Amino acid sequence: MYLDTANLMEIAEAIKTGVFQGVTTNPTILLKEKTERMKQIRGILDLGVSKLYVQVLGDSADALVEDYRRVKSVNTENRIAYKVSMDVHGLEAVKRIKEEDPDAEILGTAIYSADQAILGALAGCDSVAPYVNRMENNGVNPFEAIEKMRMFFDDRGLSCTIVAASFKNTNQIVGALTSGAHTATIPYDLFLQMINKDVAGKAIRVFNQHGEELEKLSR
């Protein structure tokens, strides 16, 4: 899975667990950190993150490709992958970026439907990110859409993977994964909710208490 944040403290804590393959960001997430974009990107890379997704910015294919080149200039050890929003300009940008650098890893983002994801895959995206909670808020069943994406990709032997994103609760994360998403990118607070269960915490405290009592018996 991936961690959806640009907060250095959250990233430093989360990567210790071994659960996360990397970090995903977007302009909104980066803005929360009140730090210049490239400086924050370098700071995340300095934490030893294996892969960092950075969204390229622009309202035209030319602008998107130009920003890709700007981000690529800080692509330390090829650890940056590129997020491209999936509209008609994004499709063109994906094609041009792949022509310029076939090894560039591209995640088609802002996916709200199966057909949008299919076009992204056909354009050359290595992965696509359906926005689960936002799809639900707009009357789209995200789990059915993910099933359709996965079926299309698998039936045609496409290597494009599904990175589910945009979650409000942990049930949505599990629903996306069991519907066929290859992986998911989740915020730090939902990661903590997934692992820190009250009932489990009580059991762990009892185990530790009994462990201390056993140690006393051996003295």
N, C-alpha and C. Protein backbone atom coordinates (compact mmCIF):
# COMPACT_ATOMS: atom_id res chain seq x y z
N MET A 1 0.84 -1.19 0.00
CA MET A 1 0.00 0.00 0.00
C MET A 1 0.88 1.25 0.00
N TYR A 2 0.23 2.38 -0.21
CA TYR A 2 0.92 3.66 -0.23
C TYR A 2 0.32 4.57 0.83
N LEU A 3 1.15 5.50 1.31
CA LEU A 3 0.70 6.48 2.29
C LEU A 3 0.40 7.78 1.57
N ASP A 4 -0.80 8.30 1.78
CA ASP A 4 -1.26 9.49 1.07
C ASP A 4 -1.08 10.72 1.94
N THR A 5 0.11 11.27 1.93
CA THR A 5 0.44 12.42 2.77
C THR A 5 1.74 13.05 2.29
N ALA A 6 1.96 14.30 2.71
CA ALA A 6 3.25 14.94 2.47
C ALA A 6 3.89 15.37 3.79
N ASN A 7 3.27 14.94 4.90
CA ASN A 7 3.77 15.31 6.22
C ASN A 7 4.98 14.45 6.58
N LEU A 8 6.10 15.09 6.85
CA LEU A 8 7.35 14.36 7.07
C LEU A 8 7.30 13.49 8.32
N MET A 9 6.64 13.97 9.38
CA MET A 9 6.56 13.18 10.60
C MET A 9 5.71 11.92 10.39
N GLU A 10 4.58 12.07 9.69
CA GLU A 10 3.73 10.92 9.40
C GLU A 10 4.47 9.90 8.55
N ILE A 11 5.17 10.39 7.54
CA ILE A 11 5.90 9.48 6.65
C ILE A 11 6.99 8.74 7.42
N ALA A 12 7.75 9.47 8.25
CA ALA A 12 8.84 8.85 9.01
C ALA A 12 8.33 7.74 9.92
N GLU A 13 7.17 7.96 10.54
CA GLU A 13 6.61 6.95 11.43
C GLU A 13 6.06 5.76 10.64
N ALA A 14 5.36 6.03 9.56
CA ALA A 14 4.68 4.97 8.82
C ALA A 14 5.65 4.03 8.11
N ILE A 15 6.74 4.57 7.56
CA ILE A 15 7.64 3.70 6.79
C ILE A 15 8.39 2.72 7.68
N LYS A 16 8.39 2.97 8.99
CA LYS A 16 9.03 2.02 9.92
C LYS A 16 8.29 0.69 9.96
N THR A 17 7.02 0.70 9.60
CA THR A 17 6.18 -0.50 9.74
C THR A 17 6.44 -1.52 8.66
N GLY A 18 6.98 -1.11 7.52
CA GLY A 18 7.20 -2.03 6.42
C GLY A 18 5.97 -2.32 5.59
N VAL A 19 4.87 -1.62 5.88
CA VAL A 19 3.60 -1.85 5.17
C VAL A 19 3.57 -1.11 3.84
N PHE A 20 4.23 0.03 3.76
CA PHE A 20 4.03 0.93 2.63
C PHE A 20 5.13 0.82 1.59
N GLN A 21 4.69 0.76 0.33
CA GLN A 21 5.62 0.71 -0.80
C GLN A 21 6.16 2.09 -1.16
N GLY A 22 5.46 3.11 -0.72
CA GLY A 22 5.88 4.46 -1.05
C GLY A 22 4.84 5.47 -0.58
N VAL A 23 4.94 6.67 -1.13
CA VAL A 23 4.11 7.81 -0.71
C VAL A 23 3.49 8.44 -1.94
N THR A 24 2.21 8.84 -1.79
CA THR A 24 1.55 9.60 -2.85
C THR A 24 1.23 11.00 -2.34
N THR A 25 1.35 11.96 -3.22
CA THR A 25 1.01 13.34 -2.87
C THR A 25 0.15 13.94 -3.98
N ASN A 26 -0.43 15.07 -3.68
CA ASN A 26 -1.10 15.89 -4.69
C ASN A 26 -0.94 17.34 -4.27
N PRO A 27 -1.32 18.30 -5.08
CA PRO A 27 -1.13 19.70 -4.72
C PRO A 27 -1.82 20.10 -3.42
N THR A 28 -3.00 19.54 -3.16
CA THR A 28 -3.73 19.87 -1.94
C THR A 28 -2.98 19.38 -0.71
N ILE A 29 -2.47 18.16 -0.78
CA ILE A 29 -1.70 17.59 0.33
C ILE A 29 -0.42 18.38 0.56
N LEU A 30 0.27 18.73 -0.51
CA LEU A 30 1.52 19.49 -0.37
C LEU A 30 1.27 20.88 0.21
N LEU A 31 0.17 21.50 -0.18
CA LEU A 31 -0.14 22.86 0.30
C LEU A 31 -0.32 22.88 1.81
N LYS A 32 -0.84 21.80 2.38
CA LYS A 32 -1.05 21.73 3.83
C LYS A 32 0.24 21.89 4.62
N GLU A 33 1.37 21.55 4.00
CA GLU A 33 2.65 21.59 4.71
C GLU A 33 3.30 22.97 4.69
N LYS A 34 2.72 23.91 3.94
CA LYS A 34 3.18 25.31 3.92
C LYS A 34 4.67 25.42 3.60
N THR A 35 5.13 24.57 2.68
CA THR A 35 6.53 24.56 2.28
C THR A 35 6.60 24.56 0.77
N GLU A 36 7.61 25.21 0.22
CA GLU A 36 7.78 25.26 -1.23
C GLU A 36 7.79 23.84 -1.79
N ARG A 37 7.11 23.67 -2.89
CA ARG A 37 6.84 22.34 -3.45
C ARG A 37 8.08 21.47 -3.61
N MET A 38 9.09 21.96 -4.31
CA MET A 38 10.28 21.16 -4.58
C MET A 38 11.06 20.86 -3.29
N LYS A 39 11.04 21.80 -2.36
CA LYS A 39 11.72 21.57 -1.09
C LYS A 39 11.05 20.44 -0.33
N GLN A 40 9.71 20.41 -0.35
CA GLN A 40 8.99 19.35 0.35
C GLN A 40 9.22 17.99 -0.32
N ILE A 41 9.27 17.99 -1.64
CA ILE A 41 9.54 16.76 -2.38
C ILE A 41 10.91 16.21 -1.99
N ARG A 42 11.90 17.08 -1.95
CA ARG A 42 13.25 16.64 -1.56
C ARG A 42 13.27 16.13 -0.13
N GLY A 43 12.51 16.80 0.75
CA GLY A 43 12.45 16.37 2.13
C GLY A 43 11.87 14.97 2.28
N ILE A 44 10.85 14.67 1.49
CA ILE A 44 10.25 13.33 1.53
C ILE A 44 11.24 12.30 1.02
N LEU A 45 11.92 12.61 -0.07
CA LEU A 45 12.92 11.68 -0.62
C LEU A 45 14.05 11.44 0.37
N ASP A 46 14.41 12.46 1.12
CA ASP A 46 15.50 12.33 2.09
C ASP A 46 15.16 11.36 3.22
N LEU A 47 13.88 11.07 3.40
CA LEU A 47 13.47 10.11 4.43
C LEU A 47 13.71 8.66 3.99
N GLY A 48 14.11 8.48 2.73
CA GLY A 48 14.39 7.14 2.23
C GLY A 48 13.20 6.45 1.62
N VAL A 49 12.19 7.22 1.24
CA VAL A 49 11.00 6.65 0.60
C VAL A 49 11.39 5.99 -0.71
N SER A 50 10.91 4.76 -0.92
CA SER A 50 11.28 4.02 -2.13
C SER A 50 10.68 4.61 -3.39
N LYS A 51 9.42 5.07 -3.28
CA LYS A 51 8.75 5.65 -4.43
C LYS A 51 7.86 6.80 -3.97
N LEU A 52 7.94 7.91 -4.68
CA LEU A 52 7.14 9.08 -4.36
C LEU A 52 6.36 9.52 -5.59
N TYR A 53 5.05 9.55 -5.49
CA TYR A 53 4.20 10.03 -6.57
C TYR A 53 3.99 11.53 -6.44
N VAL A 54 4.31 12.24 -7.51
CA VAL A 54 4.13 13.69 -7.55
C VAL A 54 3.22 14.04 -8.72
N GLN A 55 2.21 14.85 -8.48
CA GLN A 55 1.27 15.21 -9.53
C GLN A 55 1.84 16.35 -10.37
N VAL A 56 1.81 16.17 -11.68
CA VAL A 56 2.24 17.25 -12.56
C VAL A 56 1.08 18.21 -12.77
N LEU A 57 1.40 19.49 -12.92
CA LEU A 57 0.40 20.53 -12.89
C LEU A 57 0.30 21.26 -14.23
N GLY A 58 -0.91 21.69 -14.54
CA GLY A 58 -1.12 22.46 -15.77
C GLY A 58 -2.50 22.22 -16.35
N ASP A 59 -2.98 23.20 -17.11
CA ASP A 59 -4.31 23.09 -17.72
C ASP A 59 -4.23 22.84 -19.22
N SER A 60 -3.06 22.39 -19.67
CA SER A 60 -2.88 22.01 -21.07
C SER A 60 -1.82 20.91 -21.11
N ALA A 61 -1.79 20.18 -22.22
CA ALA A 61 -0.79 19.12 -22.34
C ALA A 61 0.62 19.71 -22.30
N ASP A 62 0.82 20.87 -22.94
CA ASP A 62 2.14 21.51 -22.92
C ASP A 62 2.58 21.81 -21.50
N ALA A 63 1.65 22.38 -20.71
CA ALA A 63 1.97 22.74 -19.33
C ALA A 63 2.27 21.51 -18.49
N LEU A 64 1.51 20.44 -18.69
CA LEU A 64 1.73 19.21 -17.94
C LEU A 64 3.09 18.59 -18.26
N VAL A 65 3.45 18.58 -19.53
CA VAL A 65 4.74 18.01 -19.93
C VAL A 65 5.88 18.87 -19.39
N GLU A 66 5.72 20.18 -19.44
CA GLU A 66 6.75 21.07 -18.91
C GLU A 66 6.95 20.86 -17.42
N ASP A 67 5.83 20.69 -16.68
CA ASP A 67 5.96 20.47 -15.24
C ASP A 67 6.56 19.09 -14.96
N TYR A 68 6.26 18.12 -15.78
CA TYR A 68 6.90 16.80 -15.65
C TYR A 68 8.43 16.95 -15.72
N ARG A 69 8.89 17.74 -16.66
CA ARG A 69 10.34 17.94 -16.80
C ARG A 69 10.91 18.63 -15.57
N ARG A 70 10.15 19.55 -15.00
CA ARG A 70 10.60 20.27 -13.80
C ARG A 70 10.72 19.30 -12.62
N VAL A 71 9.71 18.46 -12.45
CA VAL A 71 9.75 17.49 -11.35
C VAL A 71 10.85 16.46 -11.58
N LYS A 72 11.02 16.06 -12.81
CA LYS A 72 12.03 15.05 -13.13
C LYS A 72 13.43 15.52 -12.76
N SER A 73 13.64 16.83 -12.73
CA SER A 73 14.96 17.36 -12.43
C SER A 73 15.41 17.05 -11.00
N VAL A 74 14.45 16.71 -10.12
CA VAL A 74 14.81 16.33 -8.75
C VAL A 74 14.55 14.85 -8.51
N ASN A 75 14.43 14.08 -9.56
CA ASN A 75 14.07 12.66 -9.46
C ASN A 75 15.27 11.84 -9.02
N THR A 76 15.59 11.92 -7.74
CA THR A 76 16.73 11.22 -7.18
C THR A 76 16.60 9.71 -7.35
N GLU A 77 17.57 9.11 -8.02
CA GLU A 77 17.63 7.65 -8.21
C GLU A 77 16.33 7.10 -8.80
N ASN A 78 15.67 7.90 -9.62
CA ASN A 78 14.42 7.47 -10.28
C ASN A 78 13.37 6.98 -9.29
N ARG A 79 13.26 7.67 -8.16
CA ARG A 79 12.29 7.28 -7.14
C ARG A 79 10.97 8.04 -7.26
N ILE A 80 10.87 8.96 -8.21
CA ILE A 80 9.64 9.72 -8.40
C ILE A 80 8.82 9.11 -9.53
N ALA A 81 7.54 8.92 -9.26
CA ALA A 81 6.58 8.55 -10.29
C ALA A 81 5.63 9.75 -10.47
N TYR A 82 4.96 9.81 -11.61
CA TYR A 82 4.23 11.02 -11.98
C TYR A 82 2.73 10.77 -12.04
N LYS A 83 1.99 11.62 -11.36
CA LYS A 83 0.53 11.55 -11.40
C LYS A 83 0.03 12.54 -12.45
N VAL A 84 -0.85 12.07 -13.32
CA VAL A 84 -1.42 12.92 -14.36
C VAL A 84 -2.94 12.82 -14.28
N SER A 85 -3.61 13.95 -14.14
CA SER A 85 -5.08 13.95 -14.08
C SER A 85 -5.65 13.52 -15.43
N MET A 86 -6.67 12.68 -15.37
CA MET A 86 -7.21 12.08 -16.58
C MET A 86 -8.36 12.89 -17.19
N ASP A 87 -7.97 13.84 -18.04
CA ASP A 87 -8.89 14.49 -18.96
C ASP A 87 -8.22 14.44 -20.33
N VAL A 88 -8.77 15.11 -21.31
CA VAL A 88 -8.20 14.99 -22.65
C VAL A 88 -6.77 15.53 -22.70
N HIS A 89 -6.48 16.57 -21.91
CA HIS A 89 -5.11 17.10 -21.87
C HIS A 89 -4.18 16.10 -21.20
N GLY A 90 -4.70 15.42 -20.17
CA GLY A 90 -3.89 14.43 -19.48
C GLY A 90 -3.53 13.25 -20.36
N LEU A 91 -4.50 12.80 -21.16
CA LEU A 91 -4.23 11.69 -22.08
C LEU A 91 -3.10 12.05 -23.04
N GLU A 92 -3.16 13.25 -23.59
CA GLU A 92 -2.10 13.68 -24.51
C GLU A 92 -0.77 13.78 -23.79
N ALA A 93 -0.80 14.30 -22.56
CA ALA A 93 0.45 14.44 -21.80
C ALA A 93 1.07 13.07 -21.52
N VAL A 94 0.25 12.09 -21.19
CA VAL A 94 0.77 10.73 -20.94
C VAL A 94 1.50 10.22 -22.18
N LYS A 95 0.87 10.36 -23.33
CA LYS A 95 1.47 9.91 -24.58
C LYS A 95 2.82 10.58 -24.81
N ARG A 96 2.88 11.90 -24.59
CA ARG A 96 4.10 12.64 -24.86
C ARG A 96 5.19 12.32 -23.85
N ILE A 97 4.81 12.16 -22.59
CA ILE A 97 5.79 11.82 -21.57
C ILE A 97 6.39 10.45 -21.84
N LYS A 98 5.55 9.49 -22.23
CA LYS A 98 6.03 8.15 -22.52
C LYS A 98 6.94 8.14 -23.75
N GLU A 99 6.64 8.99 -24.73
CA GLU A 99 7.51 9.09 -25.90
C GLU A 99 8.86 9.67 -25.51
N GLU A 100 8.85 10.62 -24.59
CA GLU A 100 10.08 11.26 -24.15
C GLU A 100 10.89 10.35 -23.22
N ASP A 101 10.19 9.61 -22.37
CA ASP A 101 10.85 8.73 -21.42
C ASP A 101 9.97 7.50 -21.20
N PRO A 102 10.20 6.44 -21.98
CA PRO A 102 9.38 5.23 -21.86
C PRO A 102 9.39 4.61 -20.47
N ASP A 103 10.43 4.90 -19.68
CA ASP A 103 10.53 4.32 -18.35
C ASP A 103 9.83 5.16 -17.28
N ALA A 104 9.31 6.32 -17.65
CA ALA A 104 8.60 7.15 -16.68
C ALA A 104 7.36 6.40 -16.19
N GLU A 105 7.19 6.32 -14.89
CA GLU A 105 6.03 5.63 -14.31
C GLU A 105 4.91 6.64 -14.10
N ILE A 106 3.75 6.38 -14.68
CA ILE A 106 2.65 7.34 -14.65
C ILE A 106 1.41 6.73 -14.01
N LEU A 107 0.85 7.48 -13.08
CA LEU A 107 -0.41 7.12 -12.43
C LEU A 107 -1.49 8.08 -12.91
N GLY A 108 -2.49 7.54 -13.60
CA GLY A 108 -3.61 8.37 -14.02
C GLY A 108 -4.52 8.62 -12.82
N THR A 109 -4.71 9.89 -12.48
CA THR A 109 -5.43 10.23 -11.26
C THR A 109 -6.71 11.00 -11.57
N ALA A 110 -7.46 11.29 -10.51
CA ALA A 110 -8.78 11.93 -10.62
C ALA A 110 -9.73 11.07 -11.45
N ILE A 111 -9.73 9.76 -11.15
CA ILE A 111 -10.58 8.80 -11.85
C ILE A 111 -11.92 8.69 -11.13
N TYR A 112 -13.01 8.93 -11.87
CA TYR A 112 -14.35 8.89 -11.30
C TYR A 112 -15.24 7.85 -11.97
N SER A 113 -14.70 7.07 -12.90
CA SER A 113 -15.52 6.09 -13.62
C SER A 113 -14.64 5.04 -14.27
N ALA A 114 -15.25 3.91 -14.61
CA ALA A 114 -14.51 2.83 -15.24
C ALA A 114 -14.04 3.22 -16.64
N ASP A 115 -14.89 3.93 -17.39
CA ASP A 115 -14.49 4.29 -18.76
C ASP A 115 -13.30 5.23 -18.76
N GLN A 116 -13.26 6.14 -17.79
CA GLN A 116 -12.13 7.05 -17.67
C GLN A 116 -10.85 6.27 -17.38
N ALA A 117 -10.94 5.27 -16.50
CA ALA A 117 -9.77 4.45 -16.18
C ALA A 117 -9.31 3.65 -17.39
N ILE A 118 -10.26 3.12 -18.16
CA ILE A 118 -9.92 2.35 -19.35
C ILE A 118 -9.15 3.20 -20.35
N LEU A 119 -9.61 4.42 -20.57
CA LEU A 119 -8.90 5.31 -21.49
C LEU A 119 -7.50 5.63 -20.97
N GLY A 120 -7.37 5.81 -19.68
CA GLY A 120 -6.05 6.07 -19.11
C GLY A 120 -5.10 4.92 -19.36
N ALA A 121 -5.60 3.70 -19.16
CA ALA A 121 -4.76 2.52 -19.39
C ALA A 121 -4.35 2.42 -20.85
N LEU A 122 -5.29 2.67 -21.76
CA LEU A 122 -4.99 2.59 -23.18
C LEU A 122 -4.01 3.68 -23.62
N ALA A 123 -4.03 4.82 -22.92
CA ALA A 123 -3.11 5.91 -23.25
C ALA A 123 -1.68 5.62 -22.81
N GLY A 124 -1.53 4.66 -21.88
CA GLY A 124 -0.18 4.30 -21.45
C GLY A 124 0.09 4.45 -19.97
N CYS A 125 -0.96 4.74 -19.17
CA CYS A 125 -0.76 4.84 -17.73
C CYS A 125 -0.32 3.48 -17.17
N ASP A 126 0.62 3.51 -16.24
CA ASP A 126 1.05 2.29 -15.58
C ASP A 126 0.07 1.88 -14.48
N SER A 127 -0.66 2.86 -13.98
CA SER A 127 -1.66 2.60 -12.96
C SER A 127 -2.70 3.71 -13.01
N VAL A 128 -3.85 3.45 -12.40
CA VAL A 128 -4.93 4.45 -12.34
C VAL A 128 -5.45 4.50 -10.90
N ALA A 129 -5.95 5.67 -10.50
CA ALA A 129 -6.39 5.87 -9.13
C ALA A 129 -7.86 6.28 -9.08
N PRO A 130 -8.77 5.31 -8.92
CA PRO A 130 -10.17 5.65 -8.73
C PRO A 130 -10.39 6.30 -7.36
N TYR A 131 -11.17 7.39 -7.35
CA TYR A 131 -11.43 8.15 -6.12
C TYR A 131 -12.68 7.59 -5.44
N VAL A 132 -12.50 6.66 -4.54
CA VAL A 132 -13.60 5.88 -3.99
C VAL A 132 -14.66 6.74 -3.30
N ASN A 133 -14.27 7.51 -2.31
CA ASN A 133 -15.26 8.30 -1.57
C ASN A 133 -15.91 9.36 -2.45
N ARG A 134 -15.13 9.99 -3.29
CA ARG A 134 -15.68 11.03 -4.16
C ARG A 134 -16.64 10.43 -5.18
N MET A 135 -16.36 9.22 -5.63
CA MET A 135 -17.28 8.55 -6.55
C MET A 135 -18.61 8.30 -5.85
N GLU A 136 -18.54 7.80 -4.62
CA GLU A 136 -19.78 7.57 -3.86
C GLU A 136 -20.56 8.86 -3.68
N ASN A 137 -19.86 9.94 -3.39
CA ASN A 137 -20.52 11.23 -3.19
C ASN A 137 -21.19 11.75 -4.45
N ASN A 138 -20.74 11.25 -5.61
CA ASN A 138 -21.32 11.67 -6.89
C ASN A 138 -22.23 10.61 -7.50
N GLY A 139 -22.71 9.69 -6.65
CA GLY A 139 -23.69 8.71 -7.10
C GLY A 139 -23.14 7.58 -7.93
N VAL A 140 -21.82 7.36 -7.89
CA VAL A 140 -21.20 6.27 -8.63
C VAL A 140 -20.79 5.19 -7.64
N ASN A 141 -21.11 3.93 -7.93
CA ASN A 141 -20.68 2.83 -7.07
C ASN A 141 -19.21 2.53 -7.38
N PRO A 142 -18.29 2.91 -6.49
CA PRO A 142 -16.87 2.76 -6.80
C PRO A 142 -16.43 1.30 -6.88
N PHE A 143 -17.09 0.43 -6.13
CA PHE A 143 -16.67 -0.97 -6.09
C PHE A 143 -17.05 -1.70 -7.38
N GLU A 144 -18.22 -1.38 -7.92
CA GLU A 144 -18.59 -1.93 -9.22
C GLU A 144 -17.66 -1.39 -10.30
N ALA A 145 -17.32 -0.11 -10.21
CA ALA A 145 -16.42 0.48 -11.20
C ALA A 145 -15.05 -0.17 -11.16
N ILE A 146 -14.55 -0.43 -9.95
CA ILE A 146 -13.24 -1.09 -9.81
C ILE A 146 -13.29 -2.50 -10.38
N GLU A 147 -14.38 -3.23 -10.15
CA GLU A 147 -14.53 -4.56 -10.71
C GLU A 147 -14.46 -4.53 -12.23
N LYS A 148 -15.12 -3.52 -12.84
CA LYS A 148 -15.11 -3.40 -14.30
C LYS A 148 -13.72 -3.06 -14.82
N MET A 149 -13.03 -2.15 -14.14
CA MET A 149 -11.66 -1.81 -14.53
C MET A 149 -10.78 -3.05 -14.51
N ARG A 150 -10.84 -3.77 -13.39
CA ARG A 150 -9.97 -4.94 -13.22
C ARG A 150 -10.28 -6.00 -14.26
N MET A 151 -11.56 -6.21 -14.55
CA MET A 151 -11.94 -7.20 -15.55
C MET A 151 -11.41 -6.81 -16.93
N PHE A 152 -11.54 -5.54 -17.27
CA PHE A 152 -11.05 -5.06 -18.58
C PHE A 152 -9.55 -5.25 -18.68
N PHE A 153 -8.82 -4.84 -17.65
CA PHE A 153 -7.35 -4.95 -17.67
C PHE A 153 -6.91 -6.41 -17.77
N ASP A 154 -7.52 -7.26 -16.95
CA ASP A 154 -7.11 -8.67 -16.92
C ASP A 154 -7.46 -9.40 -18.22
N ASP A 155 -8.66 -9.14 -18.73
CA ASP A 155 -9.10 -9.83 -19.95
C ASP A 155 -8.22 -9.50 -21.14
N ARG A 156 -7.67 -8.29 -21.15
CA ARG A 156 -6.86 -7.86 -22.30
C ARG A 156 -5.36 -7.90 -22.02
N GLY A 157 -5.00 -8.42 -20.88
CA GLY A 157 -3.59 -8.56 -20.55
C GLY A 157 -2.87 -7.23 -20.37
N LEU A 158 -3.60 -6.20 -19.95
CA LEU A 158 -2.98 -4.90 -19.72
C LEU A 158 -2.25 -4.91 -18.38
N SER A 159 -1.09 -4.31 -18.35
CA SER A 159 -0.28 -4.31 -17.12
C SER A 159 -0.69 -3.18 -16.16
N CYS A 160 -1.63 -2.35 -16.56
CA CYS A 160 -2.07 -1.23 -15.74
C CYS A 160 -2.67 -1.75 -14.43
N THR A 161 -2.23 -1.18 -13.31
CA THR A 161 -2.75 -1.58 -12.01
C THR A 161 -3.69 -0.51 -11.45
N ILE A 162 -4.48 -0.92 -10.46
CA ILE A 162 -5.47 -0.04 -9.85
C ILE A 162 -4.99 0.33 -8.45
N VAL A 163 -4.77 1.62 -8.23
CA VAL A 163 -4.36 2.14 -6.93
C VAL A 163 -5.54 2.94 -6.37
N ALA A 164 -6.38 2.30 -5.59
CA ALA A 164 -7.57 2.98 -5.08
C ALA A 164 -7.16 4.13 -4.15
N ALA A 165 -7.94 5.22 -4.22
CA ALA A 165 -7.62 6.42 -3.45
C ALA A 165 -8.91 7.09 -2.98
N SER A 166 -8.76 8.13 -2.18
CA SER A 166 -9.88 8.93 -1.68
C SER A 166 -10.81 8.11 -0.80
N PHE A 167 -10.46 8.06 0.48
CA PHE A 167 -11.24 7.27 1.44
C PHE A 167 -11.71 8.12 2.61
N LYS A 168 -12.89 7.79 3.09
CA LYS A 168 -13.44 8.44 4.29
C LYS A 168 -13.36 7.51 5.48
N ASN A 169 -13.37 6.19 5.25
CA ASN A 169 -13.34 5.23 6.34
C ASN A 169 -12.62 3.96 5.89
N THR A 170 -12.33 3.09 6.84
CA THR A 170 -11.55 1.89 6.54
C THR A 170 -12.37 0.86 5.78
N ASN A 171 -13.69 0.86 5.93
CA ASN A 171 -14.52 -0.08 5.17
C ASN A 171 -14.39 0.17 3.67
N GLN A 172 -14.25 1.43 3.28
CA GLN A 172 -14.06 1.74 1.86
C GLN A 172 -12.74 1.17 1.36
N ILE A 173 -11.71 1.21 2.18
CA ILE A 173 -10.41 0.68 1.78
C ILE A 173 -10.51 -0.82 1.52
N VAL A 174 -11.10 -1.54 2.47
CA VAL A 174 -11.25 -2.99 2.33
C VAL A 174 -12.16 -3.31 1.14
N GLY A 175 -13.22 -2.53 0.97
CA GLY A 175 -14.13 -2.75 -0.16
C GLY A 175 -13.44 -2.58 -1.49
N ALA A 176 -12.58 -1.57 -1.60
CA ALA A 176 -11.85 -1.34 -2.85
C ALA A 176 -10.89 -2.48 -3.14
N LEU A 177 -10.18 -2.95 -2.13
CA LEU A 177 -9.21 -4.02 -2.32
C LEU A 177 -9.90 -5.34 -2.67
N THR A 178 -11.01 -5.63 -2.02
CA THR A 178 -11.71 -6.88 -2.31
C THR A 178 -12.51 -6.81 -3.62
N SER A 179 -12.68 -5.61 -4.16
CA SER A 179 -13.36 -5.46 -5.45
C SER A 179 -12.39 -5.60 -6.62
N GLY A 180 -11.10 -5.65 -6.32
CA GLY A 180 -10.14 -5.86 -7.40
C GLY A 180 -9.01 -4.86 -7.49
N ALA A 181 -9.02 -3.82 -6.66
CA ALA A 181 -7.89 -2.88 -6.67
C ALA A 181 -6.63 -3.63 -6.26
N HIS A 182 -5.54 -3.38 -6.98
CA HIS A 182 -4.28 -4.06 -6.66
C HIS A 182 -3.71 -3.56 -5.34
N THR A 183 -3.93 -2.29 -5.07
CA THR A 183 -3.43 -1.68 -3.84
C THR A 183 -4.22 -0.41 -3.58
N ALA A 184 -3.84 0.31 -2.54
CA ALA A 184 -4.55 1.54 -2.19
C ALA A 184 -3.56 2.54 -1.61
N THR A 185 -3.93 3.80 -1.68
CA THR A 185 -3.15 4.83 -1.02
C THR A 185 -4.04 5.47 0.03
N ILE A 186 -3.57 5.48 1.27
CA ILE A 186 -4.43 5.85 2.39
C ILE A 186 -3.79 6.93 3.26
N PRO A 187 -4.60 7.79 3.87
CA PRO A 187 -4.06 8.81 4.78
C PRO A 187 -3.61 8.18 6.09
N TYR A 188 -2.77 8.88 6.80
CA TYR A 188 -2.16 8.37 8.02
C TYR A 188 -3.20 8.03 9.08
N ASP A 189 -4.24 8.87 9.22
CA ASP A 189 -5.22 8.62 10.27
C ASP A 189 -6.00 7.32 10.02
N LEU A 190 -6.30 7.02 8.76
CA LEU A 190 -7.00 5.77 8.47
C LEU A 190 -6.08 4.56 8.64
N PHE A 191 -4.80 4.73 8.36
CA PHE A 191 -3.84 3.66 8.64
C PHE A 191 -3.86 3.31 10.12
N LEU A 192 -3.87 4.32 10.98
CA LEU A 192 -3.90 4.07 12.42
C LEU A 192 -5.21 3.39 12.83
N GLN A 193 -6.32 3.80 12.21
CA GLN A 193 -7.60 3.16 12.51
C GLN A 193 -7.60 1.69 12.08
N MET A 194 -6.91 1.38 11.00
CA MET A 194 -6.88 -0.01 10.53
C MET A 194 -6.15 -0.92 11.50
N ILE A 195 -5.13 -0.42 12.17
CA ILE A 195 -4.30 -1.28 12.99
C ILE A 195 -4.57 -1.14 14.48
N ASN A 196 -4.95 0.03 14.95
CA ASN A 196 -5.14 0.25 16.38
C ASN A 196 -6.60 0.04 16.77
N LYS A 197 -6.96 -1.20 17.09
CA LYS A 197 -8.32 -1.55 17.51
C LYS A 197 -8.39 -1.58 19.04
N ASP A 198 -9.44 -0.99 19.59
CA ASP A 198 -9.57 -0.93 21.05
C ASP A 198 -9.55 -2.32 21.68
N VAL A 199 -10.31 -3.25 21.08
CA VAL A 199 -10.38 -4.59 21.67
C VAL A 199 -9.02 -5.29 21.60
N ALA A 200 -8.30 -5.06 20.50
CA ALA A 200 -6.97 -5.66 20.39
C ALA A 200 -6.02 -5.03 21.41
N GLY A 201 -6.16 -3.71 21.59
CA GLY A 201 -5.32 -3.02 22.56
C GLY A 201 -5.51 -3.56 23.97
N LYS A 202 -6.76 -3.86 24.33
CA LYS A 202 -7.03 -4.42 25.65
C LYS A 202 -6.37 -5.78 25.80
N ALA A 203 -6.49 -6.61 24.77
CA ALA A 203 -5.87 -7.93 24.82
C ALA A 203 -4.35 -7.83 24.93
N ILE A 204 -3.77 -6.91 24.19
CA ILE A 204 -2.31 -6.74 24.22
C ILE A 204 -1.85 -6.30 25.60
N ARG A 205 -2.62 -5.39 26.23
CA ARG A 205 -2.25 -4.93 27.58
C ARG A 205 -2.31 -6.08 28.58
N VAL A 206 -3.31 -6.96 28.44
CA VAL A 206 -3.41 -8.13 29.32
C VAL A 206 -2.21 -9.06 29.11
N PHE A 207 -1.88 -9.31 27.83
CA PHE A 207 -0.73 -10.16 27.54
C PHE A 207 0.54 -9.60 28.18
N ASN A 208 0.73 -8.28 28.04
CA ASN A 208 1.94 -7.66 28.59
C ASN A 208 1.94 -7.73 30.12
N GLN A 209 0.77 -7.51 30.72
CA GLN A 209 0.67 -7.61 32.17
C GLN A 209 1.02 -9.01 32.65
N HIS A 210 0.48 -10.01 31.98
CA HIS A 210 0.77 -11.39 32.35
C HIS A 210 2.23 -11.74 32.09
N GLY A 211 2.78 -11.14 31.04
CA GLY A 211 4.20 -11.36 30.77
C GLY A 211 5.07 -10.82 31.89
N GLU A 212 4.69 -9.65 32.43
CA GLU A 212 5.44 -9.08 33.56
C GLU A 212 5.33 -9.98 34.79
N GLU A 213 4.14 -10.56 35.01
CA GLU A 213 3.95 -11.44 36.15
C GLU A 213 4.79 -12.73 36.01
N LEU A 214 4.88 -13.20 34.75
CA LEU A 214 5.73 -14.38 34.51
C LEU A 214 7.20 -14.08 34.80
N GLU A 215 7.63 -12.87 34.44
CA GLU A 215 9.01 -12.47 34.70
C GLU A 215 9.29 -12.45 36.20
N LYS A 216 8.31 -12.02 36.99
CA LYS A 216 8.47 -11.99 38.44
C LYS A 216 8.64 -13.39 39.01
N LEU A 217 7.94 -14.37 38.41
CA LEU A 217 8.03 -15.74 38.88
C LEU A 217 9.42 -16.33 38.65
N SER A 218 10.12 -15.82 37.66
CA SER A 218 11.43 -16.38 37.31
C SER A 218 12.57 -15.75 38.11
N ARG A 219 12.23 -14.74 38.92
CA ARG A 219 13.29 -14.08 39.69
C ARG A 219 13.57 -14.80 40.99
